[in-house]
Amino acid sequence: MVERMVPDELWELFQRVVPPAPTRPQGGGRRRYSDREVLAAIIFVATTDCNWRQSPPVFGPLGPTAHCRFTEWSTARAWAKLHRLILGELEMGSRR
């Protein structure tokens, strides 16, 4: 399901703009969901009428986790960077 929501081509572009995961100096804690899993959950919420808490568990992260990461990435302007990157890729493709 994750690979269907986030195809390899999109994932390759997104990896170029997503900020690195913060490190915990004390170590430990729960496993951090992969950025690809979270991106799939965010895309699901953005393209359906459900809210964060209604996102299905098939993606892995629960709604609050996806919302938190969405906020982190929004603050880092990842969405604007991704938008510009995709437009640039489309422009380069039309020149070929």
PDB file of N, CA and C in Angstrom:
ATOM      1  N   MET A   1       0.826  -1.195   0.000  1.00  0.00           N
ATOM      2  CA  MET A   1       0.000   0.000   0.000  1.00  0.00           C
ATOM      3  C   MET A   1       0.869   1.256   0.000  1.00  0.00           C
ATOM      4  N   VAL A   2       1.920   1.255   0.809  1.00  0.00           N
ATOM      5  CA  VAL A   2       2.784   2.434   0.904  1.00  0.00           C
ATOM      6  C   VAL A   2       3.411   2.734  -0.451  1.00  0.00           C
ATOM      7  N   GLU A   3       3.906   1.696  -1.135  1.00  0.00           N
ATOM      8  CA  GLU A   3       4.551   1.894  -2.430  1.00  0.00           C
ATOM      9  C   GLU A   3       3.559   2.377  -3.485  1.00  0.00           C
ATOM     10  N   ARG A   4       2.292   2.003  -3.329  1.00  0.00           N
ATOM     11  CA  ARG A   4       1.281   2.469  -4.277  1.00  0.00           C
ATOM     12  C   ARG A   4       0.965   3.948  -4.049  1.00  0.00           C
ATOM     13  N   MET A   5       0.910   4.358  -2.795  1.00  0.00           N
ATOM     14  CA  MET A   5       0.631   5.764  -2.481  1.00  0.00           C
ATOM     15  C   MET A   5       1.838   6.653  -2.766  1.00  0.00           C
ATOM     16  N   VAL A   6       3.039   6.097  -2.583  1.00  0.00           N
ATOM     17  CA  VAL A   6       4.275   6.857  -2.792  1.00  0.00           C
ATOM     18  C   VAL A   6       5.139   6.074  -3.781  1.00  0.00           C
ATOM     19  N   PRO A   7       4.900   6.266  -5.091  1.00  0.00           N
ATOM     20  CA  PRO A   7       5.697   5.540  -6.077  1.00  0.00           C
ATOM     21  C   PRO A   7       7.183   5.895  -5.966  1.00  0.00           C
ATOM     22  N   ASP A   8       8.015   5.014  -6.466  1.00  0.00           N
ATOM     23  CA  ASP A   8       9.466   5.205  -6.354  1.00  0.00           C
ATOM     24  C   ASP A   8       9.926   6.556  -6.887  1.00  0.00           C
ATOM     25  N   GLU A   9       9.336   7.013  -7.989  1.00  0.00           N
ATOM     26  CA  GLU A   9       9.742   8.292  -8.582  1.00  0.00           C
ATOM     27  C   GLU A   9       9.473   9.453  -7.623  1.00  0.00           C
ATOM     28  N   LEU A  10       8.294   9.451  -6.999  1.00  0.00           N
ATOM     29  CA  LEU A  10       7.964  10.497  -6.028  1.00  0.00           C
ATOM     30  C   LEU A  10       8.865  10.385  -4.809  1.00  0.00           C
ATOM     31  N   TRP A  11       9.104   9.169  -4.353  1.00  0.00           N
ATOM     32  CA  TRP A  11       9.938   8.959  -3.175  1.00  0.00           C
ATOM     33  C   TRP A  11      11.354   9.480  -3.413  1.00  0.00           C
ATOM     34  N   GLU A  12      11.906   9.237  -4.595  1.00  0.00           N
ATOM     35  CA  GLU A  12      13.250   9.729  -4.913  1.00  0.00           C
ATOM     36  C   GLU A  12      13.304  11.255  -4.843  1.00  0.00           C
ATOM     37  N   LEU A  13      12.279  11.917  -5.360  1.00  0.00           N
ATOM     38  CA  LEU A  13      12.239  13.382  -5.303  1.00  0.00           C
ATOM     39  C   LEU A  13      12.073  13.863  -3.861  1.00  0.00           C
ATOM     40  N   PHE A  14      11.184  13.210  -3.125  1.00  0.00           N
ATOM     41  CA  PHE A  14      10.913  13.651  -1.757  1.00  0.00           C
ATOM     42  C   PHE A  14      12.141  13.523  -0.869  1.00  0.00           C
ATOM     43  N   GLN A  15      12.927  12.483  -1.081  1.00  0.00           N
ATOM     44  CA  GLN A  15      14.137  12.300  -0.278  1.00  0.00           C
ATOM     45  C   GLN A  15      15.112  13.462  -0.447  1.00  0.00           C
ATOM     46  N   ARG A  16      15.024  14.151  -1.565  1.00  0.00           N
ATOM     47  CA  ARG A  16      15.932  15.278  -1.811  1.00  0.00           C
ATOM     48  C   ARG A  16      15.535  16.533  -1.038  1.00  0.00           C
ATOM     49  N   VAL A  17      14.301  16.593  -0.559  1.00  0.00           N
ATOM     50  CA  VAL A  17      13.840  17.811   0.117  1.00  0.00           C
ATOM     51  C   VAL A  17      13.494  17.615   1.593  1.00  0.00           C
ATOM     52  N   VAL A  18      13.295  16.383   2.015  1.00  0.00           N
ATOM     53  CA  VAL A  18      12.885  16.144   3.406  1.00  0.00           C
ATOM     54  C   VAL A  18      14.076  16.375   4.340  1.00  0.00           C
ATOM     55  N   PRO A  19      13.849  17.065   5.448  1.00  0.00           N
ATOM     56  CA  PRO A  19      14.955  17.273   6.393  1.00  0.00           C
ATOM     57  C   PRO A  19      15.345  15.960   7.069  1.00  0.00           C
ATOM     58  N   PRO A  20      16.594  15.844   7.489  1.00  0.00           N
ATOM     59  CA  PRO A  20      17.016  14.614   8.166  1.00  0.00           C
ATOM     60  C   PRO A  20      16.273  14.435   9.489  1.00  0.00           C
ATOM     61  N   ALA A  21      16.101  13.195   9.860  1.00  0.00           N
ATOM     62  CA  ALA A  21      15.416  12.883  11.119  1.00  0.00           C
ATOM     63  C   ALA A  21      16.255  13.375  12.291  1.00  0.00           C
ATOM     64  N   PRO A  22      15.606  13.969  13.282  1.00  0.00           N
ATOM     65  CA  PRO A  22      16.367  14.417  14.458  1.00  0.00           C
ATOM     66  C   PRO A  22      16.924  13.219  15.224  1.00  0.00           C
ATOM     67  N   THR A  23      18.069  13.406  15.813  1.00  0.00           N
ATOM     68  CA  THR A  23      18.658  12.331  16.613  1.00  0.00           C
ATOM     69  C   THR A  23      18.369  12.596  18.084  1.00  0.00           C
ATOM     70  N   ARG A  24      18.237  11.520  18.814  1.00  0.00           N
ATOM     71  CA  ARG A  24      17.995  11.624  20.252  1.00  0.00           C
ATOM     72  C   ARG A  24      19.325  11.400  20.951  1.00  0.00           C
ATOM     73  N   PRO A  25      19.884  12.428  21.582  1.00  0.00           N
ATOM     74  CA  PRO A  25      21.189  12.272  22.215  1.00  0.00           C
ATOM     75  C   PRO A  25      21.205  11.205  23.304  1.00  0.00           C
ATOM     76  N   GLN A  26      20.069  10.985  23.944  1.00  0.00           N
ATOM     77  CA  GLN A  26      20.019   9.989  25.005  1.00  0.00           C
ATOM     78  C   GLN A  26      19.756   8.587  24.461  1.00  0.00           C
ATOM     79  N   GLY A  27      19.431   8.487  23.147  1.00  0.00           N
ATOM     80  CA  GLY A  27      19.152   7.180  22.556  1.00  0.00           C
ATOM     81  C   GLY A  27      17.821   6.640  23.029  1.00  0.00           C
ATOM     82  N   GLY A  28      17.539   5.412  22.669  1.00  0.00           N
ATOM     83  CA  GLY A  28      16.307   4.764  23.114  1.00  0.00           C
ATOM     84  C   GLY A  28      15.069   5.332  22.455  1.00  0.00           C
ATOM     85  N   GLY A  29      13.957   5.125  23.101  1.00  0.00           N
ATOM     86  CA  GLY A  29      12.686   5.600  22.578  1.00  0.00           C
ATOM     87  C   GLY A  29      12.064   4.594  21.624  1.00  0.00           C
ATOM     88  N   ARG A  30      10.908   4.949  21.122  1.00  0.00           N
ATOM     89  CA  ARG A  30      10.215   4.078  20.178  1.00  0.00           C
ATOM     90  C   ARG A  30      10.827   4.192  18.791  1.00  0.00           C
ATOM     91  N   ARG A  31      10.583   3.158  17.995  1.00  0.00           N
ATOM     92  CA  ARG A  31      11.046   3.168  16.610  1.00  0.00           C
ATOM     93  C   ARG A  31      10.349   4.301  15.865  1.00  0.00           C
ATOM     94  N   ARG A  32      11.120   5.046  15.124  1.00  0.00           N
ATOM     95  CA  ARG A  32      10.566   6.129  14.318  1.00  0.00           C
ATOM     96  C   ARG A  32      10.041   5.527  13.016  1.00  0.00           C
ATOM     97  N   TYR A  33       8.802   5.850  12.678  1.00  0.00           N
ATOM     98  CA  TYR A  33       8.256   5.372  11.412  1.00  0.00           C
ATOM     99  C   TYR A  33       9.053   5.972  10.269  1.00  0.00           C
ATOM    100  N   SER A  34       9.184   5.215   9.195  1.00  0.00           N
ATOM    101  CA  SER A  34       9.951   5.707   8.052  1.00  0.00           C
ATOM    102  C   SER A  34       9.234   6.896   7.422  1.00  0.00           C
ATOM    103  N   ASP A  35      10.015   7.764   6.827  1.00  0.00           N
ATOM    104  CA  ASP A  35       9.439   8.927   6.161  1.00  0.00           C
ATOM    105  C   ASP A  35       8.491   8.505   5.044  1.00  0.00           C
ATOM    106  N   ARG A  36       8.798   7.416   4.380  1.00  0.00           N
ATOM    107  CA  ARG A  36       7.931   6.958   3.289  1.00  0.00           C
ATOM    108  C   ARG A  36       6.576   6.503   3.826  1.00  0.00           C
ATOM    109  N   GLU A  37       6.560   5.806   4.952  1.00  0.00           N
ATOM    110  CA  GLU A  37       5.292   5.394   5.566  1.00  0.00           C
ATOM    111  C   GLU A  37       4.464   6.617   5.949  1.00  0.00           C
ATOM    112  N   VAL A  38       5.123   7.589   6.542  1.00  0.00           N
ATOM    113  CA  VAL A  38       4.419   8.796   6.982  1.00  0.00           C
ATOM    114  C   VAL A  38       3.921   9.589   5.777  1.00  0.00           C
ATOM    115  N   LEU A  39       4.740   9.702   4.740  1.00  0.00           N
ATOM    116  CA  LEU A  39       4.318  10.414   3.534  1.00  0.00           C
ATOM    117  C   LEU A  39       3.083   9.754   2.931  1.00  0.00           C
ATOM    118  N   ALA A  40       3.032   8.431   2.919  1.00  0.00           N
ATOM    119  CA  ALA A  40       1.854   7.724   2.404  1.00  0.00           C
ATOM    120  C   ALA A  40       0.615   8.075   3.223  1.00  0.00           C
ATOM    121  N   ALA A  41       0.745   8.114   4.537  1.00  0.00           N
ATOM    122  CA  ALA A  41      -0.386   8.471   5.398  1.00  0.00           C
ATOM    123  C   ALA A  41      -0.827   9.912   5.139  1.00  0.00           C
ATOM    124  N   ILE A  42       0.126  10.813   4.957  1.00  0.00           N
ATOM    125  CA  ILE A  42      -0.200  12.218   4.681  1.00  0.00           C
ATOM    126  C   ILE A  42      -0.922  12.338   3.343  1.00  0.00           C
ATOM    127  N   ILE A  43      -0.442  11.641   2.329  1.00  0.00           N
ATOM    128  CA  ILE A  43      -1.099  11.677   1.016  1.00  0.00           C
ATOM    129  C   ILE A  43      -2.514  11.121   1.121  1.00  0.00           C
ATOM    130  N   PHE A  44      -2.691  10.052   1.896  1.00  0.00           N
ATOM    131  CA  PHE A  44      -4.027   9.481   2.071  1.00  0.00           C
ATOM    132  C   PHE A  44      -4.973  10.506   2.685  1.00  0.00           C
ATOM    133  N   VAL A  45      -4.552  11.155   3.749  1.00  0.00           N
ATOM    134  CA  VAL A  45      -5.403  12.148   4.411  1.00  0.00           C
ATOM    135  C   VAL A  45      -5.689  13.318   3.469  1.00  0.00           C
ATOM    136  N   ALA A  46      -4.680  13.741   2.708  1.00  0.00           N
ATOM    137  CA  ALA A  46      -4.845  14.888   1.809  1.00  0.00           C
ATOM    138  C   ALA A  46      -5.766  14.588   0.629  1.00  0.00           C
ATOM    139  N   THR A  47      -5.886  13.328   0.251  1.00  0.00           N
ATOM    140  CA  THR A  47      -6.674  12.988  -0.939  1.00  0.00           C
ATOM    141  C   THR A  47      -8.008  12.318  -0.623  1.00  0.00           C
ATOM    142  N   THR A  48      -8.345  12.219   0.647  1.00  0.00           N
ATOM    143  CA  THR A  48      -9.637  11.646   1.047  1.00  0.00           C
ATOM    144  C   THR A  48     -10.335  12.634   1.980  1.00  0.00           C
ATOM    145  N   ASP A  49     -11.519  12.291   2.381  1.00  0.00           N
ATOM    146  CA  ASP A  49     -12.263  13.155   3.302  1.00  0.00           C
ATOM    147  C   ASP A  49     -12.016  12.806   4.761  1.00  0.00           C
ATOM    148  N   CYS A  50     -11.049  11.964   5.045  1.00  0.00           N
ATOM    149  CA  CYS A  50     -10.826  11.578   6.439  1.00  0.00           C
ATOM    150  C   CYS A  50      -9.929  12.593   7.140  1.00  0.00           C
ATOM    151  N   ASN A  51      -9.968  12.569   8.461  1.00  0.00           N
ATOM    152  CA  ASN A  51      -9.069  13.434   9.226  1.00  0.00           C
ATOM    153  C   ASN A  51      -7.892  12.596   9.718  1.00  0.00           C
ATOM    154  N   TRP A  52      -6.970  13.239  10.423  1.00  0.00           N
ATOM    155  CA  TRP A  52      -5.746  12.550  10.854  1.00  0.00           C
ATOM    156  C   TRP A  52      -6.046  11.306  11.678  1.00  0.00           C
ATOM    157  N   ARG A  53      -7.002  11.388  12.558  1.00  0.00           N
ATOM    158  CA  ARG A  53      -7.300  10.258  13.449  1.00  0.00           C
ATOM    159  C   ARG A  53      -7.979   9.099  12.723  1.00  0.00           C
ATOM    160  N   GLN A  54      -8.519   9.357  11.549  1.00  0.00           N
ATOM    161  CA  GLN A  54      -9.204   8.311  10.791  1.00  0.00           C
ATOM    162  C   GLN A  54      -8.289   7.600   9.801  1.00  0.00           C
ATOM    163  N   SER A  55      -7.027   7.987   9.723  1.00  0.00           N
ATOM    164  CA  SER A  55      -6.145   7.333   8.748  1.00  0.00           C
ATOM    165  C   SER A  55      -5.974   5.863   9.131  1.00  0.00           C
ATOM    166  N   PRO A  56      -6.076   4.968   8.151  1.00  0.00           N
ATOM    167  CA  PRO A  56      -6.032   3.536   8.458  1.00  0.00           C
ATOM    168  C   PRO A  56      -4.648   3.083   8.912  1.00  0.00           C
ATOM    169  N   PRO A  57      -4.600   2.081   9.764  1.00  0.00           N
ATOM    170  CA  PRO A  57      -3.316   1.606  10.291  1.00  0.00           C
ATOM    171  C   PRO A  57      -2.452   0.891   9.259  1.00  0.00           C
ATOM    172  N   VAL A  58      -2.963   0.674   8.052  1.00  0.00           N
ATOM    173  CA  VAL A  58      -2.189  -0.015   7.023  1.00  0.00           C
ATOM    174  C   VAL A  58      -0.901   0.742   6.678  1.00  0.00           C
ATOM    175  N   PHE A  59      -0.881   2.049   6.914  1.00  0.00           N
ATOM    176  CA  PHE A  59       0.306   2.840   6.602  1.00  0.00           C
ATOM    177  C   PHE A  59       1.371   2.731   7.681  1.00  0.00           C
ATOM    178  N   GLY A  60       0.992   2.287   8.849  1.00  0.00           N
ATOM    179  CA  GLY A  60       1.948   2.181   9.952  1.00  0.00           C
ATOM    180  C   GLY A  60       1.712   3.262  10.985  1.00  0.00           C
ATOM    181  N   PRO A  61       2.075   4.504  10.678  1.00  0.00           N
ATOM    182  CA  PRO A  61       1.934   5.549  11.693  1.00  0.00           C
ATOM    183  C   PRO A  61       0.475   5.909  11.937  1.00  0.00           C
ATOM    184  N   LEU A  62       0.174   6.232  13.166  1.00  0.00           N
ATOM    185  CA  LEU A  62      -1.161   6.700  13.506  1.00  0.00           C
ATOM    186  C   LEU A  62      -1.297   8.157  13.092  1.00  0.00           C
ATOM    187  N   GLY A  63      -2.529   8.628  13.036  1.00  0.00           N
ATOM    188  CA  GLY A  63      -2.798   9.990  12.602  1.00  0.00           C
ATOM    189  C   GLY A  63      -1.997  11.062  13.310  1.00  0.00           C
ATOM    190  N   PRO A  64      -1.925  11.042  14.653  1.00  0.00           N
ATOM    191  CA  PRO A  64      -1.153  12.085  15.339  1.00  0.00           C
ATOM    192  C   PRO A  64       0.328  12.089  14.944  1.00  0.00           C
ATOM    193  N   THR A  65       0.887  10.915  14.690  1.00  0.00           N
ATOM    194  CA  THR A  65       2.284  10.839  14.255  1.00  0.00           C
ATOM    195  C   THR A  65       2.436  11.469  12.880  1.00  0.00           C
ATOM    196  N   ALA A  66       1.525  11.132  11.968  1.00  0.00           N
ATOM    197  CA  ALA A  66       1.577  11.700  10.620  1.00  0.00           C
ATOM    198  C   ALA A  66       1.378  13.213  10.670  1.00  0.00           C
ATOM    199  N   HIS A  67       0.458  13.668  11.512  1.00  0.00           N
ATOM    200  CA  HIS A  67       0.220  15.108  11.623  1.00  0.00           C
ATOM    201  C   HIS A  67       1.450  15.831  12.166  1.00  0.00           C
ATOM    202  N   CYS A  68       2.090  15.241  13.150  1.00  0.00           N
ATOM    203  CA  CYS A  68       3.297  15.840  13.729  1.00  0.00           C
ATOM    204  C   CYS A  68       4.390  15.971  12.669  1.00  0.00           C
ATOM    205  N   ARG A  69       4.596  14.907  11.891  1.00  0.00           N
ATOM    206  CA  ARG A  69       5.626  14.944  10.853  1.00  0.00           C
ATOM    207  C   ARG A  69       5.225  15.918   9.753  1.00  0.00           C
ATOM    208  N   PHE A  70       3.918  15.991   9.427  1.00  0.00           N
ATOM    209  CA  PHE A  70       3.436  16.965   8.445  1.00  0.00           C
ATOM    210  C   PHE A  70       3.798  18.378   8.896  1.00  0.00           C
ATOM    211  N   THR A  71       3.603  18.649  10.178  1.00  0.00           N
ATOM    212  CA  THR A  71       3.938  19.965  10.729  1.00  0.00           C
ATOM    213  C   THR A  71       5.441  20.218  10.660  1.00  0.00           C
ATOM    214  N   GLU A  72       6.244  19.224  11.016  1.00  0.00           N
ATOM    215  CA  GLU A  72       7.709  19.364  10.929  1.00  0.00           C
ATOM    216  C   GLU A  72       8.127  19.696   9.504  1.00  0.00           C
ATOM    217  N   TRP A  73       7.597  18.943   8.553  1.00  0.00           N
ATOM    218  CA  TRP A  73       7.979  19.136   7.158  1.00  0.00           C
ATOM    219  C   TRP A  73       7.447  20.453   6.612  1.00  0.00           C
ATOM    220  N   SER A  74       6.291  20.885   7.089  1.00  0.00           N
ATOM    221  CA  SER A  74       5.761  22.183   6.664  1.00  0.00           C
ATOM    222  C   SER A  74       6.658  23.307   7.157  1.00  0.00           C
ATOM    223  N   THR A  75       7.093  23.220   8.401  1.00  0.00           N
ATOM    224  CA  THR A  75       7.997  24.225   8.967  1.00  0.00           C
ATOM    225  C   THR A  75       9.306  24.273   8.186  1.00  0.00           C
ATOM    226  N   ALA A  76       9.771  23.120   7.727  1.00  0.00           N
ATOM    227  CA  ALA A  76      11.021  23.045   6.955  1.00  0.00           C
ATOM    228  C   ALA A  76      10.801  23.393   5.478  1.00  0.00           C
ATOM    229  N   ARG A  77       9.569  23.741   5.116  1.00  0.00           N
ATOM    230  CA  ARG A  77       9.202  24.108   3.746  1.00  0.00           C
ATOM    231  C   ARG A  77       9.420  22.978   2.743  1.00  0.00           C
ATOM    232  N   ALA A  78       9.320  21.748   3.218  1.00  0.00           N
ATOM    233  CA  ALA A  78       9.530  20.592   2.337  1.00  0.00           C
ATOM    234  C   ALA A  78       8.512  20.553   1.199  1.00  0.00           C
ATOM    235  N   TRP A  79       7.276  20.960   1.465  1.00  0.00           N
ATOM    236  CA  TRP A  79       6.239  20.893   0.429  1.00  0.00           C
ATOM    237  C   TRP A  79       6.531  21.889  -0.686  1.00  0.00           C
ATOM    238  N   ALA A  80       6.945  23.092  -0.330  1.00  0.00           N
ATOM    239  CA  ALA A  80       7.287  24.097  -1.347  1.00  0.00           C
ATOM    240  C   ALA A  80       8.505  23.647  -2.153  1.00  0.00           C
ATOM    241  N   LYS A  81       9.483  23.077  -1.473  1.00  0.00           N
ATOM    242  CA  LYS A  81      10.685  22.581  -2.163  1.00  0.00           C
ATOM    243  C   LYS A  81      10.326  21.445  -3.114  1.00  0.00           C
ATOM    244  N   LEU A  82       9.452  20.544  -2.658  1.00  0.00           N
ATOM    245  CA  LEU A  82       9.035  19.431  -3.502  1.00  0.00           C
ATOM    246  C   LEU A  82       8.279  19.947  -4.724  1.00  0.00           C
ATOM    247  N   HIS A  83       7.426  20.921  -4.514  1.00  0.00           N
ATOM    248  CA  HIS A  83       6.662  21.508  -5.616  1.00  0.00           C
ATOM    249  C   HIS A  83       7.598  22.088  -6.671  1.00  0.00           C
ATOM    250  N   ARG A  84       8.587  22.875  -6.222  1.00  0.00           N
ATOM    251  CA  ARG A  84       9.553  23.463  -7.165  1.00  0.00           C
ATOM    252  C   ARG A  84      10.355  22.375  -7.874  1.00  0.00           C
ATOM    253  N   LEU A  85      10.733  21.358  -7.144  1.00  0.00           N
ATOM    254  CA  LEU A  85      11.515  20.267  -7.722  1.00  0.00           C
ATOM    255  C   LEU A  85      10.714  19.535  -8.800  1.00  0.00           C
ATOM    256  N   ILE A  86       9.457  19.251  -8.524  1.00  0.00           N
ATOM    257  CA  ILE A  86       8.606  18.569  -9.508  1.00  0.00           C
ATOM    258  C   ILE A  86       8.411  19.446 -10.735  1.00  0.00           C
ATOM    259  N   LEU A  87       8.167  20.732 -10.529  1.00  0.00           N
ATOM    260  CA  LEU A  87       8.024  21.636 -11.678  1.00  0.00           C
ATOM    261  C   LEU A  87       9.296  21.659 -12.513  1.00  0.00           C
ATOM    262  N   GLY A  88      10.441  21.678 -11.856  1.00  0.00           N
ATOM    263  CA  GLY A  88      11.718  21.650 -12.572  1.00  0.00           C
ATOM    264  C   GLY A  88      11.894  20.370 -13.367  1.00  0.00           C
ATOM    265  N   GLU A  89      11.510  19.245 -12.771  1.00  0.00           N
ATOM    266  CA  GLU A  89      11.604  17.959 -13.471  1.00  0.00           C
ATOM    267  C   GLU A  89      10.681  17.939 -14.688  1.00  0.00           C
ATOM    268  N   LEU A  90       9.482  18.476 -14.535  1.00  0.00           N
ATOM    269  CA  LEU A  90       8.546  18.520 -15.660  1.00  0.00           C
ATOM    270  C   LEU A  90       9.078  19.414 -16.773  1.00  0.00           C
ATOM    271  N   GLU A  91       9.650  20.534 -16.391  1.00  0.00           N
ATOM    272  CA  GLU A  91      10.210  21.457 -17.384  1.00  0.00           C
ATOM    273  C   GLU A  91      11.361  20.798 -18.143  1.00  0.00           C
ATOM    274  N   MET A  92      12.234  20.121 -17.422  1.00  0.00           N
ATOM    275  CA  MET A  92      13.351  19.434 -18.071  1.00  0.00           C
ATOM    276  C   MET A  92      12.846  18.332 -18.997  1.00  0.00           C
ATOM    277  N   GLY A  93      11.799  17.640 -18.580  1.00  0.00           N
ATOM    278  CA  GLY A  93      11.231  16.575 -19.404  1.00  0.00           C
ATOM    279  C   GLY A  93      10.609  17.093 -20.684  1.00  0.00           C
ATOM    280  N   SER A  94      10.034  18.285 -20.635  1.00  0.00           N
ATOM    281  CA  SER A  94       9.405  18.845 -21.837  1.00  0.00           C
ATOM    282  C   SER A  94      10.443  19.340 -22.837  1.00  0.00           C
ATOM    283  N   ARG A  95      11.665  19.571 -22.391  1.00  0.00           N
ATOM    284  CA  ARG A  95      12.731  20.031 -23.290  1.00  0.00           C
ATOM    285  C   ARG A  95      13.366  18.884 -24.061  1.00  0.00           C
ATOM    286  N   ARG A  96      13.147  17.681 -23.618  1.00  0.00           N
ATOM    287  CA  ARG A  96      13.803  16.523 -24.261  1.00  0.00           C
ATOM    288  C   ARG A  96      13.134  16.128 -25.533  1.00  0.00           C
TER     289      ARG A  96
END
